[in-house]
Every structure is written in structure tokens, then in C-alpha cells.
C-alpha atoms as a PDB file:
ATOM      1  CA  MET A   1       2.032  -8.512  21.028  1.00  0.00           C
ATOM      2  CA  LYS A   2      -1.742  -8.800  20.833  1.00  0.00           C
ATOM      3  CA  ARG A   3      -2.847 -10.601  17.659  1.00  0.00           C
ATOM      4  CA  GLU A   4      -6.389 -11.136  16.403  1.00  0.00           C
ATOM      5  CA  LEU A   5      -7.649 -12.815  13.234  1.00  0.00           C
ATOM      6  CA  SER A   6     -11.015 -11.817  11.795  1.00  0.00           C
ATOM      7  CA  SER A   7     -12.902 -12.278   8.558  1.00  0.00           C
ATOM      8  CA  TRP A   8     -16.184 -11.448   6.898  1.00  0.00           C
ATOM      9  CA  TYR A   9     -17.962 -12.164   3.648  1.00  0.00           C
ATOM     10  CA  SER A  10     -17.127  -9.213   1.420  1.00  0.00           C
ATOM     11  CA  PRO A  11     -20.021  -7.895  -0.658  1.00  0.00           C
ATOM     12  CA  SER A  12     -17.501  -6.064  -2.849  1.00  0.00           C
ATOM     13  CA  LEU A  13     -15.589  -9.248  -3.725  1.00  0.00           C
ATOM     14  CA  ASN A  14     -18.255 -11.904  -3.064  1.00  0.00           C
ATOM     15  CA  LYS A  15     -15.887 -13.997  -0.973  1.00  0.00           C
ATOM     16  CA  GLU A  16     -14.652 -14.396   2.573  1.00  0.00           C
ATOM     17  CA  MET A  17     -11.831 -11.955   3.283  1.00  0.00           C
ATOM     18  CA  PRO A  18      -9.566 -12.307   6.346  1.00  0.00           C
ATOM     19  CA  ILE A  19      -7.718  -9.605   8.241  1.00  0.00           C
ATOM     20  CA  ALA A  20      -5.014  -9.793  10.919  1.00  0.00           C
ATOM     21  CA  THR A  21      -4.820  -7.117  13.617  1.00  0.00           C
ATOM     22  CA  TYR A  22      -1.787  -6.516  15.817  1.00  0.00           C
ATOM     23  CA  GLY A  23      -1.857  -4.284  18.891  1.00  0.00           C
ATOM     24  CA  ASP A  24      -4.328  -2.027  20.667  1.00  0.00           C
ATOM     25  CA  TYR A  25      -3.422   1.640  20.160  1.00  0.00           C
ATOM     26  CA  GLY A  26      -1.631   4.075  17.895  1.00  0.00           C
ATOM     27  CA  PHE A  27      -2.122   5.194  14.332  1.00  0.00           C
ATOM     28  CA  ALA A  28      -3.408   2.523  11.940  1.00  0.00           C
ATOM     29  CA  LEU A  29      -0.922   0.937   9.554  1.00  0.00           C
ATOM     30  CA  LEU A  30      -2.692  -0.963   6.764  1.00  0.00           C
ATOM     31  CA  LEU A  31      -0.354  -3.555   5.223  1.00  0.00           C
ATOM     32  CA  ILE A  32      -0.875  -4.680   1.625  1.00  0.00           C
ATOM     33  CA  PRO A  33       0.929  -7.930   0.692  1.00  0.00           C
ATOM     34  CA  THR A  34       3.436  -8.384  -2.102  1.00  0.00           C
ATOM     35  CA  ALA A  35       2.581 -10.020  -5.423  1.00  0.00           C
ATOM     36  CA  ALA A  36       0.453 -13.149  -4.918  1.00  0.00           C
ATOM     37  CA  ALA A  37       0.730 -13.319  -1.141  1.00  0.00           C
ATOM     38  CA  ASP A  38      -1.847 -13.191   1.643  1.00  0.00           C
ATOM     39  CA  TYR A  39      -2.680 -11.353   4.848  1.00  0.00           C
ATOM     40  CA  LEU A  40      -0.190 -13.332   6.963  1.00  0.00           C
ATOM     41  CA  GLU A  41       2.779 -12.787   4.666  1.00  0.00           C
ATOM     42  CA  TYR A  42       4.346 -10.032   6.775  1.00  0.00           C
ATOM     43  CA  GLU A  43       4.124 -12.312   9.792  1.00  0.00           C
ATOM     44  CA  ARG A  44       5.649 -15.331   8.009  1.00  0.00           C
ATOM     45  CA  PHE A  45       8.632 -13.294   6.855  1.00  0.00           C
ATOM     46  CA  GLN A  46       9.237 -11.973  10.395  1.00  0.00           C
ATOM     47  CA  LEU A  47       8.503  -8.353   9.602  1.00  0.00           C
ATOM     48  CA  MET A  48       5.929  -8.295  12.397  1.00  0.00           C
ATOM     49  CA  ASP A  49       8.628  -9.406  14.853  1.00  0.00           C
ATOM     50  CA  HIS A  50      10.575  -6.279  13.941  1.00  0.00           C
ATOM     51  CA  LEU A  51       7.521  -4.102  14.657  1.00  0.00           C
ATOM     52  CA  THR A  52       6.712  -5.645  18.048  1.00  0.00           C
ATOM     53  CA  SER A  53       8.236  -2.884  20.170  1.00  0.00           C
ATOM     54  CA  TYR A  54       6.277  -0.156  18.368  1.00  0.00           C
ATOM     55  CA  ILE A  55       3.046  -2.154  18.574  1.00  0.00           C
ATOM     56  CA  ASP A  56       3.470  -2.991  22.264  1.00  0.00           C
ATOM     57  CA  ALA A  57       4.322   0.646  23.041  1.00  0.00           C
ATOM     58  CA  GLY A  58       1.023   1.793  21.494  1.00  0.00           C
ATOM     59  CA  LYS A  59       2.669   3.729  18.695  1.00  0.00           C
ATOM     60  CA  VAL A  60       0.968   1.784  15.904  1.00  0.00           C
ATOM     61  CA  LYS A  61      -1.855  -0.681  15.433  1.00  0.00           C
ATOM     62  CA  VAL A  62      -1.307  -2.868  12.382  1.00  0.00           C
ATOM     63  CA  PHE A  63      -3.970  -4.273  10.066  1.00  0.00           C
ATOM     64  CA  SER A  64      -2.933  -6.774   7.373  1.00  0.00           C
ATOM     65  CA  ILE A  65      -5.246  -7.814   4.531  1.00  0.00           C
ATOM     66  CA  ASP A  66      -5.331 -10.107   1.500  1.00  0.00           C
ATOM     67  CA  SER A  67      -4.649  -8.954  -2.010  1.00  0.00           C
ATOM     68  CA  ILE A  68      -6.544 -10.427  -4.936  1.00  0.00           C
ATOM     69  CA  ASN A  69      -3.629 -10.299  -7.387  1.00  0.00           C
ATOM     70  CA  ASN A  70      -4.099 -14.015  -8.108  1.00  0.00           C
ATOM     71  CA  GLU A  71      -7.627 -13.158  -9.234  1.00  0.00           C
ATOM     72  CA  SER A  72      -6.519 -10.209 -11.324  1.00  0.00           C
ATOM     73  CA  TRP A  73      -3.145  -9.091 -12.705  1.00  0.00           C
ATOM     74  CA  LEU A  74      -1.196 -12.267 -11.844  1.00  0.00           C
ATOM     75  CA  ASN A  75      -3.826 -14.664 -13.216  1.00  0.00           C
ATOM     76  CA  ASN A  76      -2.797 -15.581 -16.749  1.00  0.00           C
ATOM     77  CA  GLU A  77      -6.068 -17.425 -17.406  1.00  0.00           C
ATOM     78  CA  MET A  78      -8.338 -14.393 -16.964  1.00  0.00           C
ATOM     79  CA  ASP A  79      -9.555 -11.984 -19.604  1.00  0.00           C
ATOM     80  CA  PRO A  80      -7.669  -8.707 -18.991  1.00  0.00           C
ATOM     81  CA  LYS A  81     -10.902  -6.749 -18.770  1.00  0.00           C
ATOM     82  CA  HIS A  82     -12.065  -8.988 -15.942  1.00  0.00           C
ATOM     83  CA  LYS A  83      -8.719  -8.495 -14.189  1.00  0.00           C
ATOM     84  CA  ALA A  84      -9.301  -4.745 -14.254  1.00  0.00           C
ATOM     85  CA  ILE A  85     -12.832  -5.149 -12.917  1.00  0.00           C
ATOM     86  CA  ARG A  86     -11.528  -7.315 -10.077  1.00  0.00           C
ATOM     87  CA  GLN A  87      -9.014  -4.606  -9.200  1.00  0.00           C
ATOM     88  CA  GLN A  88     -11.822  -2.069  -8.902  1.00  0.00           C
ATOM     89  CA  GLN A  89     -13.792  -4.446  -6.691  1.00  0.00           C
ATOM     90  CA  TRP A  90     -10.787  -4.853  -4.398  1.00  0.00           C
ATOM     91  CA  ASN A  91     -10.452  -1.076  -4.134  1.00  0.00           C
ATOM     92  CA  SER A  92     -14.097  -0.912  -3.074  1.00  0.00           C
ATOM     93  CA  TYR A  93     -13.466  -3.633  -0.506  1.00  0.00           C
ATOM     94  CA  VAL A  94     -10.703  -1.529   1.068  1.00  0.00           C
ATOM     95  CA  PHE A  95     -12.580   1.780   0.984  1.00  0.00           C
ATOM     96  CA  ASP A  96     -16.051   0.515   1.890  1.00  0.00           C
ATOM     97  CA  GLU A  97     -15.236  -2.375   4.228  1.00  0.00           C
ATOM     98  CA  VAL A  98     -11.662  -2.315   5.554  1.00  0.00           C
ATOM     99  CA  VAL A  99     -11.560   1.387   6.374  1.00  0.00           C
ATOM    100  CA  PRO A 100     -14.814   1.183   8.409  1.00  0.00           C
ATOM    101  CA  PHE A 101     -13.434  -1.923  10.170  1.00  0.00           C
ATOM    102  CA  ILE A 102     -10.329   0.055  11.120  1.00  0.00           C
ATOM    103  CA  ARG A 103     -12.440   2.994  12.294  1.00  0.00           C
ATOM    104  CA  ASN A 104     -14.541   0.704  14.471  1.00  0.00           C
ATOM    105  CA  SER A 105     -11.362  -0.868  15.888  1.00  0.00           C
ATOM    106  CA  THR A 106      -9.698   2.486  16.618  1.00  0.00           C
ATOM    107  CA  SER A 107     -11.571   5.785  16.315  1.00  0.00           C
ATOM    108  CA  GLN A 108     -12.975   8.067  13.651  1.00  0.00           C
ATOM    109  CA  GLU A 109      -9.965  10.358  14.081  1.00  0.00           C
ATOM    110  CA  THR A 110      -7.200   7.737  13.981  1.00  0.00           C
ATOM    111  CA  PRO A 111      -4.881   8.318  10.993  1.00  0.00           C
ATOM    112  CA  ILE A 112      -4.625   5.476   8.489  1.00  0.00           C
ATOM    113  CA  ILE A 113      -1.334   4.945   6.649  1.00  0.00           C
ATOM    114  CA  THR A 114      -1.144   2.362   3.855  1.00  0.00           C
ATOM    115  CA  CYS A 115       2.055   0.370   3.452  1.00  0.00           C
ATOM    116  CA  GLY A 116       3.349  -2.296   1.125  1.00  0.00           C
ATOM    117  CA  ALA A 117       6.413  -3.694  -0.600  1.00  0.00           C
ATOM    118  CA  SER A 118       6.885  -4.587  -4.265  1.00  0.00           C
ATOM    119  CA  PHE A 119       3.417  -4.887  -5.899  1.00  0.00           C
ATOM    120  CA  GLY A 120       2.014  -3.946  -2.492  1.00  0.00           C
ATOM    121  CA  ALA A 121       3.758  -0.577  -2.798  1.00  0.00           C
ATOM    122  CA  LEU A 122       1.827   0.212  -5.971  1.00  0.00           C
ATOM    123  CA  HIS A 123      -1.464  -0.781  -4.331  1.00  0.00           C
ATOM    124  CA  SER A 124      -0.646   1.220  -1.189  1.00  0.00           C
ATOM    125  CA  MET A 125       0.193   4.340  -3.181  1.00  0.00           C
ATOM    126  CA  ASN A 126      -2.867   3.920  -5.383  1.00  0.00           C
ATOM    127  CA  LEU A 127      -5.236   3.563  -2.422  1.00  0.00           C
ATOM    128  CA  PHE A 128      -3.897   6.730  -0.789  1.00  0.00           C
ATOM    129  CA  LEU A 129      -3.913   8.856  -3.944  1.00  0.00           C
ATOM    130  CA  LYS A 130      -7.435   7.780  -4.910  1.00  0.00           C
ATOM    131  CA  ARG A 131      -8.949   8.483  -1.503  1.00  0.00           C
ATOM    132  CA  PRO A 132      -6.869  10.991   0.500  1.00  0.00           C
ATOM    133  CA  ASP A 133     -10.101  11.844   2.325  1.00  0.00           C
ATOM    134  CA  LEU A 134      -9.987   8.350   3.916  1.00  0.00           C
ATOM    135  CA  ILE A 135      -6.273   7.531   3.977  1.00  0.00           C
ATOM    136  CA  ASN A 136      -3.725   9.899   5.465  1.00  0.00           C
ATOM    137  CA  GLY A 137      -0.452   8.759   3.949  1.00  0.00           C
ATOM    138  CA  VAL A 138       1.654   5.929   2.558  1.00  0.00           C
ATOM    139  CA  ILE A 139       4.909   4.067   3.104  1.00  0.00           C
ATOM    140  CA  ALA A 140       5.769   2.487  -0.255  1.00  0.00           C
ATOM    141  CA  MET A 141       8.794   0.182  -0.373  1.00  0.00           C
ATOM    142  CA  SER A 142      10.500  -1.043  -3.551  1.00  0.00           C
ATOM    143  CA  GLY A 143       7.595  -0.181  -5.788  1.00  0.00           C
ATOM    144  CA  VAL A 144       6.928   0.358  -9.479  1.00  0.00           C
ATOM    145  CA  TYR A 145       4.043   2.813  -9.879  1.00  0.00           C
ATOM    146  CA  ASP A 146       3.141   2.037 -13.479  1.00  0.00           C
ATOM    147  CA  LEU A 147       0.455  -0.674 -13.413  1.00  0.00           C
ATOM    148  CA  SER A 148       1.086  -1.502 -17.077  1.00  0.00           C
ATOM    149  CA  GLU A 149       4.259  -3.238 -15.867  1.00  0.00           C
ATOM    150  CA  TYR A 150       1.899  -5.986 -14.670  1.00  0.00           C
ATOM    151  CA  THR A 151      -0.819  -5.986 -17.362  1.00  0.00           C
ATOM    152  CA  LYS A 152       1.045  -7.747 -20.218  1.00  0.00           C
ATOM    153  CA  GLY A 153       0.228  -5.036 -22.737  1.00  0.00           C
ATOM    154  CA  TYR A 154      -3.428  -4.557 -21.801  1.00  0.00           C
ATOM    155  CA  PHE A 155      -4.510  -0.965 -21.177  1.00  0.00           C
ATOM    156  CA  ASP A 156      -7.945   0.547 -20.610  1.00  0.00           C
ATOM    157  CA  ASP A 157      -9.518   3.172 -18.366  1.00  0.00           C
ATOM    158  CA  ASP A 158      -9.489   0.832 -15.367  1.00  0.00           C
ATOM    159  CA  VAL A 159      -5.756   0.282 -15.802  1.00  0.00           C
ATOM    160  CA  TYR A 160      -5.161   4.013 -16.272  1.00  0.00           C
ATOM    161  CA  PHE A 161      -7.104   4.973 -13.152  1.00  0.00           C
ATOM    162  CA  ASN A 162      -5.243   2.404 -11.042  1.00  0.00           C
ATOM    163  CA  SER A 163      -1.802   3.337 -12.333  1.00  0.00           C
ATOM    164  CA  PRO A 164      -0.438   6.248 -10.259  1.00  0.00           C
ATOM    165  CA  TRP A 165       2.290   6.921 -12.808  1.00  0.00           C
ATOM    166  CA  HIS A 166      -0.380   7.601 -15.445  1.00  0.00           C
ATOM    167  CA  TYR A 167      -3.226   9.375 -13.696  1.00  0.00           C
ATOM    168  CA  MET A 168      -1.144  11.598 -11.418  1.00  0.00           C
ATOM    169  CA  GLN A 169       0.512  13.270 -14.386  1.00  0.00           C
ATOM    170  CA  ASN A 170      -2.894  14.439 -15.599  1.00  0.00           C
ATOM    171  CA  LEU A 171      -4.672  15.041 -12.280  1.00  0.00           C
ATOM    172  CA  THR A 172      -6.023  18.590 -12.165  1.00  0.00           C
ATOM    173  CA  ASP A 173      -8.813  18.313  -9.571  1.00  0.00           C
ATOM    174  CA  HIS A 174      -7.808  21.040  -7.119  1.00  0.00           C
ATOM    175  CA  ALA A 175      -9.724  19.583  -4.169  1.00  0.00           C
ATOM    176  CA  ILE A 176      -8.117  16.142  -4.465  1.00  0.00           C
ATOM    177  CA  LEU A 177      -4.663  17.612  -5.045  1.00  0.00           C
ATOM    178  CA  GLU A 178      -5.032  19.757  -1.938  1.00  0.00           C
ATOM    179  CA  GLN A 179      -6.039  16.750   0.143  1.00  0.00           C
ATOM    180  CA  ILE A 180      -2.964  14.876  -1.096  1.00  0.00           C
ATOM    181  CA  ARG A 181      -0.742  17.882  -0.414  1.00  0.00           C
ATOM    182  CA  GLN A 182      -1.905  18.000   3.204  1.00  0.00           C
ATOM    183  CA  SER A 183      -0.209  14.661   3.936  1.00  0.00           C
ATOM    184  CA  LYS A 184       3.193  14.742   5.593  1.00  0.00           C
ATOM    185  CA  HIS A 185       3.575  10.994   5.207  1.00  0.00           C
ATOM    186  CA  ILE A 186       4.292  10.154   1.576  1.00  0.00           C
ATOM    187  CA  HIS A 187       7.381   7.983   1.945  1.00  0.00           C
ATOM    188  CA  ILE A 188       8.854   6.391  -1.200  1.00  0.00           C
ATOM    189  CA  LEU A 189      11.626   3.954  -0.262  1.00  0.00           C
ATOM    190  CA  THR A 190      13.767   1.622  -2.324  1.00  0.00           C
ATOM    191  CA  GLY A 191      17.051  -0.210  -2.320  1.00  0.00           C
ATOM    192  CA  SER A 192      19.526  -0.217  -5.200  1.00  0.00           C
ATOM    193  CA  GLY A 193      20.594  -3.855  -4.969  1.00  0.00           C
ATOM    194  CA  ALA A 194      19.500  -6.963  -6.851  1.00  0.00           C
ATOM    195  CA  PHE A 195      16.101  -6.764  -8.551  1.00  0.00           C
ATOM    196  CA  GLU A 196      15.423  -3.241  -7.311  1.00  0.00           C
ATOM    197  CA  ASP A 197      14.425  -0.428  -9.689  1.00  0.00           C
ATOM    198  CA  PRO A 198      15.251   2.837  -7.930  1.00  0.00           C
ATOM    199  CA  SER A 199      14.583   4.796 -11.118  1.00  0.00           C
ATOM    200  CA  ALA A 200      10.899   3.834 -10.863  1.00  0.00           C
ATOM    201  CA  SER A 201      10.720   5.491  -7.448  1.00  0.00           C
ATOM    202  CA  GLY A 202      12.678   8.531  -8.597  1.00  0.00           C
ATOM    203  CA  ASN A 203      10.587   9.026 -11.711  1.00  0.00           C
ATOM    204  CA  PHE A 204       7.335   8.788  -9.783  1.00  0.00           C
ATOM    205  CA  ALA A 205       8.623  11.208  -7.136  1.00  0.00           C
ATOM    206  CA  LYS A 206       9.237  13.697  -9.952  1.00  0.00           C
ATOM    207  CA  VAL A 207       5.568  13.409 -10.940  1.00  0.00           C
ATOM    208  CA  LEU A 208       4.559  14.318  -7.381  1.00  0.00           C
ATOM    209  CA  TYR A 209       7.063  17.185  -7.339  1.00  0.00           C
ATOM    210  CA  ASP A 210       5.567  18.614 -10.527  1.00  0.00           C
ATOM    211  CA  LYS A 211       2.157  18.627  -8.815  1.00  0.00           C
ATOM    212  CA  GLY A 212       3.470  20.500  -5.770  1.00  0.00           C
ATOM    213  CA  ILE A 213       3.086  17.450  -3.531  1.00  0.00           C
ATOM    214  CA  TRP A 214       5.453  16.906  -0.599  1.00  0.00           C
ATOM    215  CA  TYR A 215       7.108  13.520  -0.492  1.00  0.00           C
ATOM    216  CA  GLU A 216      10.170  11.813   0.929  1.00  0.00           C
ATOM    217  CA  LEU A 217      12.287   9.789  -1.497  1.00  0.00           C
ATOM    218  CA  ASP A 218      14.842   7.538   0.197  1.00  0.00           C
ATOM    219  CA  ILE A 219      17.070   5.426  -2.064  1.00  0.00           C
ATOM    220  CA  TRP A 220      19.225   2.953  -0.145  1.00  0.00           C
ATOM    221  CA  ASP A 221      22.466   1.654  -1.655  1.00  0.00           C
ATOM    222  CA  LYS A 222      23.394  -1.543  -3.474  1.00  0.00           C
ATOM    223  CA  ASP A 223      23.601  -3.520  -0.239  1.00  0.00           C
ATOM    224  CA  TRP A 224      19.786  -3.531  -0.130  1.00  0.00           C
ATOM    225  CA  PRO A 225      18.048  -5.892  -2.601  1.00  0.00           C
ATOM    226  CA  HIS A 226      14.405  -6.345  -3.506  1.00  0.00           C
ATOM    227  CA  ASP A 227      13.847  -8.730  -0.616  1.00  0.00           C
ATOM    228  CA  TRP A 228      12.628  -9.119   2.942  1.00  0.00           C
ATOM    229  CA  ASN A 229      15.876  -8.172   4.678  1.00  0.00           C
ATOM    230  CA  THR A 230      15.502  -4.705   3.122  1.00  0.00           C
ATOM    231  CA  TRP A 231      11.882  -4.268   4.146  1.00  0.00           C
ATOM    232  CA  ARG A 232      12.497  -5.598   7.652  1.00  0.00           C
ATOM    233  CA  ALA A 233      15.054  -2.790   8.036  1.00  0.00           C
ATOM    234  CA  MET A 234      13.134  -0.011   6.257  1.00  0.00           C
ATOM    235  CA  LEU A 235       9.761  -0.147   7.949  1.00  0.00           C
ATOM    236  CA  PRO A 236      10.959  -0.165  11.588  1.00  0.00           C
ATOM    237  CA  GLN A 237      13.341   2.692  10.810  1.00  0.00           C
ATOM    238  CA  TYR A 238      10.511   4.804   9.451  1.00  0.00           C
ATOM    239  CA  LEU A 239       8.186   3.987  12.332  1.00  0.00           C
ATOM    240  CA  GLU A 240      10.964   5.009  14.691  1.00  0.00           C
ATOM    241  CA  THR A 241      11.964   8.253  12.998  1.00  0.00           C
ATOM    242  CA  ARG A 242       8.936   9.588  11.115  1.00  0.00           C
ATOM    243  CA  PHE A 243       5.947   8.857  13.340  1.00  0.00           C
END
């Protein structure tokens, strides 16, 4: 499996931001790490090993980036307003810097699918729903789509507009809704085992249903906890059967 590490100084975040790239060809899968983790998390927990056959076959080219959760929602020393601002800056980094990097590494026509587990599922869903003109779909694993679950009671417009559970219920912009509806890759996956919250996935799927948006909701049974063994099984299965 071809593996390349790159980085650049991000004008959106005012810091060096690394990115790992795996493979040569295929649609682009943009991995967002869980919680406080980094761009090599999926490699450390052997998920990349489970994707090797699809990468080597040219089905998918994987891009894995850093989150800034330690500089926003998971940083208990920061003013909540500054956490929200940092979230917006990270969104700009993805849209204005990572997406062009992917385009330059693939083609202008290559589909981009965001993917993440746990907190990464929320970010992946949020990125797709905010910019369906840039991102073509999402694989969200074991997510909670209400950002206020992470904000310790703080709520402002920046929280609202980064919380899919909140803004999707009130989204009426026909053009954006139509772009979202065009996607055939909105995959909401969860286990039902330890530390999973399948109701969060089901409730958010109902929001999409009420907006006339196609999605796939897949709730695995109690043998599948909120942990890496679940995600190492889920993602390869979906690459195999849905793409």
C-alpha cells in the first residue's frame, strides 16, 4: 500500500497541519479522527490494514487529517466562544485547503466521501451537509449528531450551525437540500453494544427523512461496541458493498 505523509502551514488555522495519503486511484475517502486523536489514528488502530485490498485495487484513495478538538470542544481551559471560532476555522481548513489538496492529488471530478467514527462521525456529517457542492457523501460510524453533547451547556450560532441535529431540522434552502438529496452515499452506521447510542443515529435519520433526503441507517446488534473492532468491520464492509 502506497503511503505518503505531507503537511503545510494552514492559513485557516495558523499552524502546520499534516495529512496522510494512502493509495493512487479511486474515489477519495477523507478520514476524520475520533475525539482528541490525530491524522495517524486510523493507522495505529489497524483500520488501514483492513482497507489495504481496496486501496491496492484502486477502488479508493484515502486521505487522513488532524482534528483540532483539543483546541476547541475538548479543551476545558478555553472560553467556549473561542472553541466555536476554532471549529469554524477548522471547517475552512477542510473546505479551502484539504479539498483542493485532494483535487490536485486526484482529479476535479473525483468524488469525495467524508468518514469518521465517534466525534469524527459528527464532523464528517457536518462537513458534507454544509458543503454538498464540494463533498459527495458521508460514512458516519457510531456518531452523535447534536454538537451540544460536547459543549458543556454552551450554545450560540456557531454551535447551532455546526450541529447537524439542530440546523437540519430548520434547513429550508431548496438549492442546498437538492444538492444533499442528490447523494446516494449517506451511510449512518452504529453498533448497539457498550457505549453505543443507536438512538442518536435513528433520531438523526428521522430528521433527514422528514427533509426528503435518502440515507442508509444500519444498526448493528449488541455484539458491536463503541470501539475499534466495530469500525474495523464496518468500513471495509461498506467499501465492499456500497462503492
